[in-house]
Amino acid sequence: MIAYPTHLLTVGLQMIVKDEEDVLENAFKSIQPCRRIFDEIVVGWTGTNPKTKAILDRYATKVFPVEWEFHIGKTRQKVHDAM
C-alpha cells in the first residue's frame, strides 16, 4: 500500500444547480455515506428560488451565485475557479 501525504491531497465536489429543490435534498443525502472524503462541496447556483438556496446552505460548504452562460464548460469553469 502506498502512503500518500494527506495534507497535500484534497477532494472537492462541484455542482451547478438551478432550482431543483424537489430532487436536491435526495441528491445530497445520497452522498452522505461518502461525505467524509470531500474536503469541500462547492455549488454554483444559477437559480432564484429561496427554497433551493436554503437546501444548498445546509449541505454545501460554499454556495455562490453564478450566471449561466448557455455553455456548460464556461459555467463549470467558474465553479472550478471558486474551489
N, C-alpha and C. Protein backbone atom coordinates (compact mmCIF):
# COMPACT_ATOMS: atom_id res chain seq x y z
N MET A 1 0.85 -1.18 0.00
CA MET A 1 0.00 0.00 0.00
C MET A 1 0.89 1.24 0.00
N ILE A 2 0.55 2.18 -0.85
CA ILE A 2 1.30 3.42 -0.95
C ILE A 2 0.72 4.42 0.04
N ALA A 3 1.59 5.03 0.82
CA ALA A 3 1.14 6.05 1.77
C ALA A 3 1.29 7.42 1.12
N TYR A 4 0.19 8.12 0.96
CA TYR A 4 0.19 9.45 0.39
C TYR A 4 0.11 10.48 1.51
N PRO A 5 0.83 11.59 1.37
CA PRO A 5 0.73 12.64 2.39
C PRO A 5 -0.64 13.32 2.31
N THR A 6 -1.48 13.04 3.26
CA THR A 6 -2.86 13.53 3.21
C THR A 6 -2.96 15.04 3.31
N HIS A 7 -1.97 15.69 3.85
CA HIS A 7 -2.05 17.15 3.95
C HIS A 7 -1.88 17.82 2.59
N LEU A 8 -1.50 17.08 1.57
CA LEU A 8 -1.35 17.64 0.22
C LEU A 8 -2.51 17.32 -0.70
N LEU A 9 -3.33 16.37 -0.32
CA LEU A 9 -4.42 15.94 -1.17
C LEU A 9 -5.75 16.49 -0.69
N THR A 10 -6.52 16.99 -1.62
CA THR A 10 -7.87 17.42 -1.29
C THR A 10 -8.82 16.90 -2.36
N VAL A 11 -10.04 16.67 -1.96
CA VAL A 11 -11.07 16.21 -2.88
C VAL A 11 -12.27 17.12 -2.71
N GLY A 12 -12.72 17.67 -3.80
CA GLY A 12 -13.88 18.54 -3.76
C GLY A 12 -14.98 18.05 -4.67
N LEU A 13 -16.20 18.33 -4.28
CA LEU A 13 -17.36 18.02 -5.10
C LEU A 13 -17.90 19.34 -5.64
N GLN A 14 -18.08 19.40 -6.95
CA GLN A 14 -18.63 20.58 -7.59
C GLN A 14 -20.02 20.28 -8.12
N MET A 15 -20.89 21.26 -7.99
CA MET A 15 -22.23 21.12 -8.55
C MET A 15 -22.63 22.45 -9.17
N ILE A 16 -23.40 22.37 -10.24
CA ILE A 16 -24.06 23.53 -10.81
C ILE A 16 -25.56 23.25 -10.66
N VAL A 17 -26.25 24.14 -9.97
CA VAL A 17 -27.64 23.89 -9.61
C VAL A 17 -28.49 25.08 -10.00
N LYS A 18 -29.65 24.79 -10.56
CA LYS A 18 -30.62 25.85 -10.80
C LYS A 18 -31.65 25.73 -9.69
N ASP A 19 -32.90 25.57 -10.00
CA ASP A 19 -33.94 25.47 -8.97
C ASP A 19 -34.47 24.05 -8.96
N GLU A 20 -33.81 23.21 -8.21
CA GLU A 20 -34.11 21.77 -8.19
C GLU A 20 -34.45 21.30 -6.78
N GLU A 21 -35.20 22.10 -6.03
CA GLU A 21 -35.46 21.73 -4.64
C GLU A 21 -36.19 20.41 -4.50
N ASP A 22 -36.88 19.96 -5.55
CA ASP A 22 -37.60 18.69 -5.47
C ASP A 22 -36.67 17.49 -5.39
N VAL A 23 -35.49 17.59 -5.97
CA VAL A 23 -34.57 16.44 -6.01
C VAL A 23 -33.25 16.71 -5.28
N LEU A 24 -33.01 17.95 -4.93
CA LEU A 24 -31.72 18.33 -4.36
C LEU A 24 -31.43 17.68 -3.01
N GLU A 25 -32.42 17.67 -2.15
CA GLU A 25 -32.24 17.08 -0.82
C GLU A 25 -31.82 15.61 -0.94
N ASN A 26 -32.48 14.86 -1.82
CA ASN A 26 -32.11 13.45 -2.02
C ASN A 26 -30.72 13.30 -2.62
N ALA A 27 -30.35 14.22 -3.49
CA ALA A 27 -29.01 14.16 -4.08
C ALA A 27 -27.94 14.29 -2.99
N PHE A 28 -28.13 15.24 -2.09
CA PHE A 28 -27.16 15.41 -1.00
C PHE A 28 -27.20 14.23 -0.03
N LYS A 29 -28.37 13.72 0.25
CA LYS A 29 -28.46 12.56 1.15
C LYS A 29 -27.78 11.34 0.55
N SER A 30 -27.80 11.22 -0.78
CA SER A 30 -27.18 10.06 -1.42
C SER A 30 -25.66 10.05 -1.29
N ILE A 31 -25.06 11.22 -1.09
CA ILE A 31 -23.60 11.25 -0.92
C ILE A 31 -23.17 11.22 0.55
N GLN A 32 -24.10 11.24 1.46
CA GLN A 32 -23.74 11.25 2.88
C GLN A 32 -22.86 10.08 3.31
N PRO A 33 -23.07 8.86 2.80
CA PRO A 33 -22.18 7.76 3.22
C PRO A 33 -20.71 8.00 2.88
N CYS A 34 -20.44 8.79 1.85
CA CYS A 34 -19.04 9.05 1.47
C CYS A 34 -18.67 10.51 1.68
N ARG A 35 -19.46 11.25 2.43
CA ARG A 35 -19.24 12.69 2.63
C ARG A 35 -17.87 13.00 3.20
N ARG A 36 -17.34 12.14 4.01
CA ARG A 36 -16.07 12.45 4.69
C ARG A 36 -14.89 12.51 3.72
N ILE A 37 -15.03 11.99 2.50
CA ILE A 37 -13.90 12.07 1.56
C ILE A 37 -13.81 13.44 0.89
N PHE A 38 -14.88 14.23 0.97
CA PHE A 38 -14.87 15.55 0.35
C PHE A 38 -14.40 16.59 1.35
N ASP A 39 -13.38 17.32 0.96
CA ASP A 39 -12.92 18.43 1.80
C ASP A 39 -13.88 19.61 1.71
N GLU A 40 -14.52 19.74 0.56
CA GLU A 40 -15.49 20.81 0.40
C GLU A 40 -16.49 20.43 -0.69
N ILE A 41 -17.66 21.04 -0.58
CA ILE A 41 -18.70 20.91 -1.60
C ILE A 41 -19.00 22.33 -2.06
N VAL A 42 -18.68 22.60 -3.31
CA VAL A 42 -18.84 23.94 -3.87
C VAL A 42 -19.97 23.89 -4.90
N VAL A 43 -20.92 24.81 -4.74
CA VAL A 43 -22.07 24.83 -5.63
C VAL A 43 -22.19 26.19 -6.28
N GLY A 44 -22.24 26.19 -7.60
CA GLY A 44 -22.60 27.38 -8.36
C GLY A 44 -24.10 27.36 -8.57
N TRP A 45 -24.78 28.35 -8.05
CA TRP A 45 -26.24 28.38 -8.06
C TRP A 45 -26.70 29.36 -9.12
N THR A 46 -27.39 28.85 -10.15
CA THR A 46 -27.84 29.69 -11.25
C THR A 46 -29.29 30.11 -11.11
N GLY A 47 -29.93 29.72 -10.04
CA GLY A 47 -31.37 29.95 -9.90
C GLY A 47 -31.73 31.14 -9.04
N THR A 48 -33.02 31.18 -8.70
CA THR A 48 -33.54 32.29 -7.90
C THR A 48 -34.44 31.82 -6.76
N ASN A 49 -34.73 30.52 -6.69
CA ASN A 49 -35.67 30.01 -5.70
C ASN A 49 -35.03 29.95 -4.31
N PRO A 50 -35.59 30.65 -3.32
CA PRO A 50 -35.01 30.64 -1.98
C PRO A 50 -35.06 29.26 -1.30
N LYS A 51 -35.99 28.39 -1.71
CA LYS A 51 -36.03 27.04 -1.14
C LYS A 51 -34.79 26.25 -1.56
N THR A 52 -34.40 26.40 -2.82
CA THR A 52 -33.19 25.74 -3.29
C THR A 52 -31.98 26.26 -2.53
N LYS A 53 -31.90 27.56 -2.36
CA LYS A 53 -30.76 28.17 -1.65
C LYS A 53 -30.69 27.67 -0.22
N ALA A 54 -31.82 27.51 0.44
CA ALA A 54 -31.83 27.02 1.83
C ALA A 54 -31.27 25.60 1.92
N ILE A 55 -31.62 24.75 0.96
CA ILE A 55 -31.09 23.38 0.95
C ILE A 55 -29.58 23.41 0.71
N LEU A 56 -29.14 24.23 -0.23
CA LEU A 56 -27.71 24.34 -0.51
C LEU A 56 -26.94 24.80 0.72
N ASP A 57 -27.48 25.77 1.43
CA ASP A 57 -26.81 26.28 2.63
C ASP A 57 -26.66 25.21 3.71
N ARG A 58 -27.58 24.26 3.75
CA ARG A 58 -27.49 23.19 4.75
C ARG A 58 -26.38 22.18 4.43
N TYR A 59 -26.14 21.93 3.16
CA TYR A 59 -25.24 20.84 2.79
C TYR A 59 -23.90 21.27 2.20
N ALA A 60 -23.86 22.37 1.50
CA ALA A 60 -22.63 22.76 0.80
C ALA A 60 -21.74 23.59 1.71
N THR A 61 -20.43 23.52 1.46
CA THR A 61 -19.50 24.34 2.23
C THR A 61 -19.36 25.74 1.63
N LYS A 62 -19.64 25.85 0.32
CA LYS A 62 -19.57 27.14 -0.35
C LYS A 62 -20.66 27.19 -1.43
N VAL A 63 -21.48 28.21 -1.38
CA VAL A 63 -22.53 28.43 -2.37
C VAL A 63 -22.36 29.85 -2.91
N PHE A 64 -22.33 29.98 -4.21
CA PHE A 64 -22.24 31.32 -4.76
C PHE A 64 -23.09 31.41 -6.03
N PRO A 65 -23.65 32.59 -6.28
CA PRO A 65 -24.44 32.76 -7.50
C PRO A 65 -23.52 32.77 -8.71
N VAL A 66 -23.94 32.11 -9.76
CA VAL A 66 -23.17 32.08 -10.99
C VAL A 66 -24.13 32.28 -12.16
N GLU A 67 -23.72 33.10 -13.10
CA GLU A 67 -24.56 33.35 -14.27
C GLU A 67 -24.38 32.23 -15.27
N TRP A 68 -25.49 31.68 -15.73
CA TRP A 68 -25.46 30.63 -16.74
C TRP A 68 -25.13 31.28 -18.07
N GLU A 69 -24.08 30.78 -18.72
CA GLU A 69 -23.65 31.37 -19.99
C GLU A 69 -24.08 30.53 -21.20
N PHE A 70 -25.03 29.63 -21.00
CA PHE A 70 -25.51 28.77 -22.08
C PHE A 70 -24.40 27.93 -22.69
N HIS A 71 -23.41 27.65 -21.86
CA HIS A 71 -22.29 26.78 -22.25
C HIS A 71 -21.80 26.12 -20.97
N ILE A 72 -22.00 24.81 -20.88
CA ILE A 72 -21.67 24.11 -19.63
C ILE A 72 -20.20 24.28 -19.26
N GLY A 73 -19.33 24.28 -20.24
CA GLY A 73 -17.90 24.40 -19.95
C GLY A 73 -17.53 25.71 -19.27
N LYS A 74 -18.10 26.80 -19.74
CA LYS A 74 -17.80 28.11 -19.14
C LYS A 74 -18.34 28.21 -17.72
N THR A 75 -19.56 27.72 -17.53
CA THR A 75 -20.17 27.76 -16.20
C THR A 75 -19.42 26.83 -15.26
N ARG A 76 -19.04 25.65 -15.72
CA ARG A 76 -18.29 24.70 -14.89
C ARG A 76 -16.94 25.31 -14.49
N GLN A 77 -16.29 26.02 -15.39
CA GLN A 77 -15.01 26.63 -15.08
C GLN A 77 -15.14 27.67 -13.96
N LYS A 78 -16.24 28.41 -13.95
CA LYS A 78 -16.47 29.38 -12.87
C LYS A 78 -16.55 28.66 -11.52
N VAL A 79 -17.26 27.54 -11.49
CA VAL A 79 -17.37 26.77 -10.24
C VAL A 79 -16.01 26.21 -9.85
N HIS A 80 -15.29 25.68 -10.81
CA HIS A 80 -13.96 25.14 -10.53
C HIS A 80 -13.03 26.23 -9.98
N ASP A 81 -13.08 27.40 -10.56
CA ASP A 81 -12.22 28.51 -10.10
C ASP A 81 -12.54 28.93 -8.67
N ALA A 82 -13.77 28.67 -8.22
CA ALA A 82 -14.17 29.04 -6.85
C ALA A 82 -13.65 28.07 -5.81
N MET A 83 -13.15 26.93 -6.25
CA MET A 83 -12.68 25.92 -5.29
C MET A 83 -11.33 26.30 -4.72
